[in-house]
Amino acid sequence: MTDNGAVLPWLVIRQDEGGNRYRVGRYATRAEAERVADRLDIRGSRQLYVVERVGRGTA
């Protein structure tokens, strides 16, 4: 949950060649998160962009 009360359970995660993972953003819907991940993935970099759902009670 954000400070304004909106629930953003979907994450876009970037994983680099070394296995390091970084949160790119949080989104309200899976479709929105997948659109962002797809746009980033089109750039052709060596990073992997994945969509994950945040479980209840976790960050």
N, C-alpha and C. Protein backbone atom coordinates (compact mmCIF):
# COMPACT_ATOMS: atom_id res chain seq x y z
N MET A 1 0.85 -1.18 0.00
CA MET A 1 0.00 0.00 0.00
C MET A 1 0.89 1.24 0.00
N THR A 2 0.47 2.24 -0.72
CA THR A 2 1.23 3.48 -0.77
C THR A 2 0.70 4.45 0.28
N ASP A 3 1.36 5.58 0.41
CA ASP A 3 0.97 6.58 1.41
C ASP A 3 -0.44 7.11 1.17
N ASN A 4 -0.88 7.12 -0.10
CA ASN A 4 -2.21 7.66 -0.37
C ASN A 4 -3.29 6.59 -0.31
N GLY A 5 -2.95 5.35 0.09
CA GLY A 5 -3.93 4.31 0.27
C GLY A 5 -4.14 3.40 -0.93
N ALA A 6 -3.52 3.71 -2.07
CA ALA A 6 -3.68 2.88 -3.26
C ALA A 6 -2.92 1.57 -3.10
N VAL A 7 -3.54 0.48 -3.55
CA VAL A 7 -2.90 -0.82 -3.48
C VAL A 7 -2.19 -1.07 -4.81
N LEU A 8 -0.90 -1.37 -4.72
CA LEU A 8 -0.09 -1.62 -5.92
C LEU A 8 0.62 -2.96 -5.77
N PRO A 9 -0.10 -4.05 -6.01
CA PRO A 9 0.45 -5.37 -5.71
C PRO A 9 1.37 -5.96 -6.79
N TRP A 10 1.46 -5.32 -7.95
CA TRP A 10 2.25 -5.89 -9.04
C TRP A 10 3.56 -5.15 -9.21
N LEU A 11 4.66 -5.90 -9.23
CA LEU A 11 6.00 -5.33 -9.36
C LEU A 11 6.59 -5.65 -10.72
N VAL A 12 7.39 -4.74 -11.24
CA VAL A 12 8.27 -5.04 -12.37
C VAL A 12 9.67 -5.08 -11.78
N ILE A 13 10.33 -6.19 -12.00
CA ILE A 13 11.67 -6.43 -11.47
C ILE A 13 12.65 -6.55 -12.63
N ARG A 14 13.79 -5.89 -12.53
CA ARG A 14 14.86 -6.03 -13.52
C ARG A 14 15.92 -6.94 -12.92
N GLN A 15 16.32 -7.95 -13.67
CA GLN A 15 17.39 -8.83 -13.23
C GLN A 15 18.53 -8.73 -14.24
N ASP A 16 19.74 -8.43 -13.75
CA ASP A 16 20.89 -8.29 -14.64
C ASP A 16 21.63 -9.62 -14.80
N GLU A 17 22.68 -9.59 -15.59
CA GLU A 17 23.44 -10.81 -15.89
C GLU A 17 24.02 -11.46 -14.64
N GLY A 18 24.31 -10.68 -13.63
CA GLY A 18 24.89 -11.19 -12.39
C GLY A 18 23.85 -11.74 -11.42
N GLY A 19 22.57 -11.69 -11.80
CA GLY A 19 21.52 -12.19 -10.92
C GLY A 19 21.01 -11.15 -9.93
N ASN A 20 21.53 -9.93 -9.99
CA ASN A 20 21.06 -8.86 -9.11
C ASN A 20 19.68 -8.42 -9.57
N ARG A 21 18.80 -8.18 -8.60
CA ARG A 21 17.42 -7.81 -8.91
C ARG A 21 17.10 -6.44 -8.34
N TYR A 22 16.38 -5.65 -9.13
CA TYR A 22 16.02 -4.28 -8.74
C TYR A 22 14.56 -4.05 -9.07
N ARG A 23 13.85 -3.44 -8.14
CA ARG A 23 12.45 -3.10 -8.40
C ARG A 23 12.41 -1.88 -9.30
N VAL A 24 11.70 -1.99 -10.41
CA VAL A 24 11.55 -0.90 -11.37
C VAL A 24 10.33 -0.06 -11.01
N GLY A 25 9.24 -0.72 -10.61
CA GLY A 25 8.04 0.02 -10.27
C GLY A 25 6.97 -0.90 -9.72
N ARG A 26 5.92 -0.29 -9.17
CA ARG A 26 4.76 -1.01 -8.63
C ARG A 26 3.53 -0.54 -9.37
N TYR A 27 2.60 -1.48 -9.63
CA TYR A 27 1.44 -1.17 -10.46
C TYR A 27 0.19 -1.80 -9.89
N ALA A 28 -0.96 -1.23 -10.22
CA ALA A 28 -2.23 -1.69 -9.69
C ALA A 28 -2.71 -2.98 -10.35
N THR A 29 -2.39 -3.15 -11.62
CA THR A 29 -2.86 -4.34 -12.34
C THR A 29 -1.70 -5.08 -12.99
N ARG A 30 -1.91 -6.37 -13.18
CA ARG A 30 -0.90 -7.18 -13.86
C ARG A 30 -0.71 -6.70 -15.29
N ALA A 31 -1.79 -6.36 -15.96
CA ALA A 31 -1.71 -5.90 -17.35
C ALA A 31 -0.83 -4.65 -17.47
N GLU A 32 -1.00 -3.73 -16.55
CA GLU A 32 -0.20 -2.51 -16.55
C GLU A 32 1.29 -2.84 -16.34
N ALA A 33 1.57 -3.71 -15.39
CA ALA A 33 2.96 -4.11 -15.12
C ALA A 33 3.57 -4.83 -16.32
N GLU A 34 2.79 -5.68 -16.97
CA GLU A 34 3.31 -6.39 -18.14
C GLU A 34 3.58 -5.46 -19.31
N ARG A 35 2.75 -4.44 -19.49
CA ARG A 35 3.00 -3.45 -20.55
C ARG A 35 4.33 -2.74 -20.31
N VAL A 36 4.58 -2.35 -19.06
CA VAL A 36 5.84 -1.68 -18.73
C VAL A 36 7.02 -2.62 -18.97
N ALA A 37 6.92 -3.84 -18.49
CA ALA A 37 8.00 -4.82 -18.67
C ALA A 37 8.26 -5.07 -20.15
N ASP A 38 7.20 -5.19 -20.95
CA ASP A 38 7.36 -5.42 -22.39
C ASP A 38 8.06 -4.25 -23.06
N ARG A 39 7.69 -3.03 -22.69
CA ARG A 39 8.34 -1.85 -23.28
C ARG A 39 9.82 -1.80 -22.94
N LEU A 40 10.15 -2.14 -21.71
CA LEU A 40 11.56 -2.14 -21.30
C LEU A 40 12.33 -3.26 -21.99
N ASP A 41 11.69 -4.40 -22.15
CA ASP A 41 12.33 -5.56 -22.76
C ASP A 41 12.63 -5.33 -24.25
N ILE A 42 11.82 -4.54 -24.92
CA ILE A 42 11.99 -4.26 -26.35
C ILE A 42 13.32 -3.57 -26.62
N ARG A 43 13.84 -2.87 -25.65
CA ARG A 43 15.10 -2.13 -25.83
C ARG A 43 16.27 -3.03 -26.17
N GLY A 44 16.13 -4.35 -25.97
CA GLY A 44 17.16 -5.29 -26.37
C GLY A 44 18.37 -5.36 -25.46
N SER A 45 18.26 -4.89 -24.24
CA SER A 45 19.39 -4.97 -23.32
C SER A 45 19.52 -6.40 -22.79
N ARG A 46 20.55 -6.65 -22.04
CA ARG A 46 20.77 -7.98 -21.50
C ARG A 46 20.05 -8.22 -20.18
N GLN A 47 19.28 -7.25 -19.73
CA GLN A 47 18.51 -7.42 -18.51
C GLN A 47 17.23 -8.18 -18.81
N LEU A 48 16.73 -8.84 -17.80
CA LEU A 48 15.46 -9.55 -17.88
C LEU A 48 14.46 -8.77 -17.03
N TYR A 49 13.29 -8.54 -17.57
CA TYR A 49 12.24 -7.85 -16.82
C TYR A 49 11.11 -8.83 -16.53
N VAL A 50 10.76 -8.97 -15.27
CA VAL A 50 9.71 -9.91 -14.87
C VAL A 50 8.65 -9.19 -14.05
N VAL A 51 7.46 -9.77 -14.07
CA VAL A 51 6.33 -9.24 -13.29
C VAL A 51 6.07 -10.21 -12.16
N GLU A 52 5.96 -9.67 -10.95
CA GLU A 52 5.68 -10.49 -9.77
C GLU A 52 4.60 -9.82 -8.93
N ARG A 53 3.83 -10.64 -8.26
CA ARG A 53 2.80 -10.11 -7.35
C ARG A 53 3.37 -10.11 -5.93
N VAL A 54 3.14 -9.01 -5.24
CA VAL A 54 3.57 -8.90 -3.85
C VAL A 54 2.55 -9.65 -3.01
N GLY A 55 3.02 -10.52 -2.13
CA GLY A 55 2.10 -11.25 -1.24
C GLY A 55 1.57 -10.36 -0.15
N ARG A 56 0.48 -10.75 0.41
CA ARG A 56 -0.11 -9.97 1.52
C ARG A 56 0.86 -9.94 2.69
N GLY A 57 1.03 -8.78 3.27
CA GLY A 57 1.89 -8.64 4.44
C GLY A 57 3.36 -8.48 4.11
N THR A 58 3.71 -8.36 2.82
CA THR A 58 5.11 -8.13 2.44
C THR A 58 5.24 -6.78 1.77
N ALA A 59 6.46 -6.31 1.70
CA ALA A 59 6.79 -5.00 1.16
C ALA A 59 5.99 -4.68 -0.05
